[in-house]
């Protein structure tokens, strides 16, 4: 939490006039939601990991960390899970 807080405070201090910063962190603790968004980390590009990320995000929301997210398309083992991005997936896979 200290890293997210320090980053947010430094970004606010360097802006004139002060603006709300966007801080995204994968390391978080209770109270971190005050300083930035939470990312659950890298997922595999599989339906199982996509299905597992849903209860994880809902649990974070119940705990009060509402601005949280996961890799929807996956990062490791990228496969085409969505036909709309098939050309992009084909370019990545080659």
Foldseek 3Di string as FASTA:
>chain_A
DVVLVVVQVVQQVVDVPGDGDEDEDQDDDPPSLVRYAHEVDFDAQDVVRLVVVVVVQVVCVVSPRNRYYYDNRGDHNGDDPDPVCVVVSVVVVD
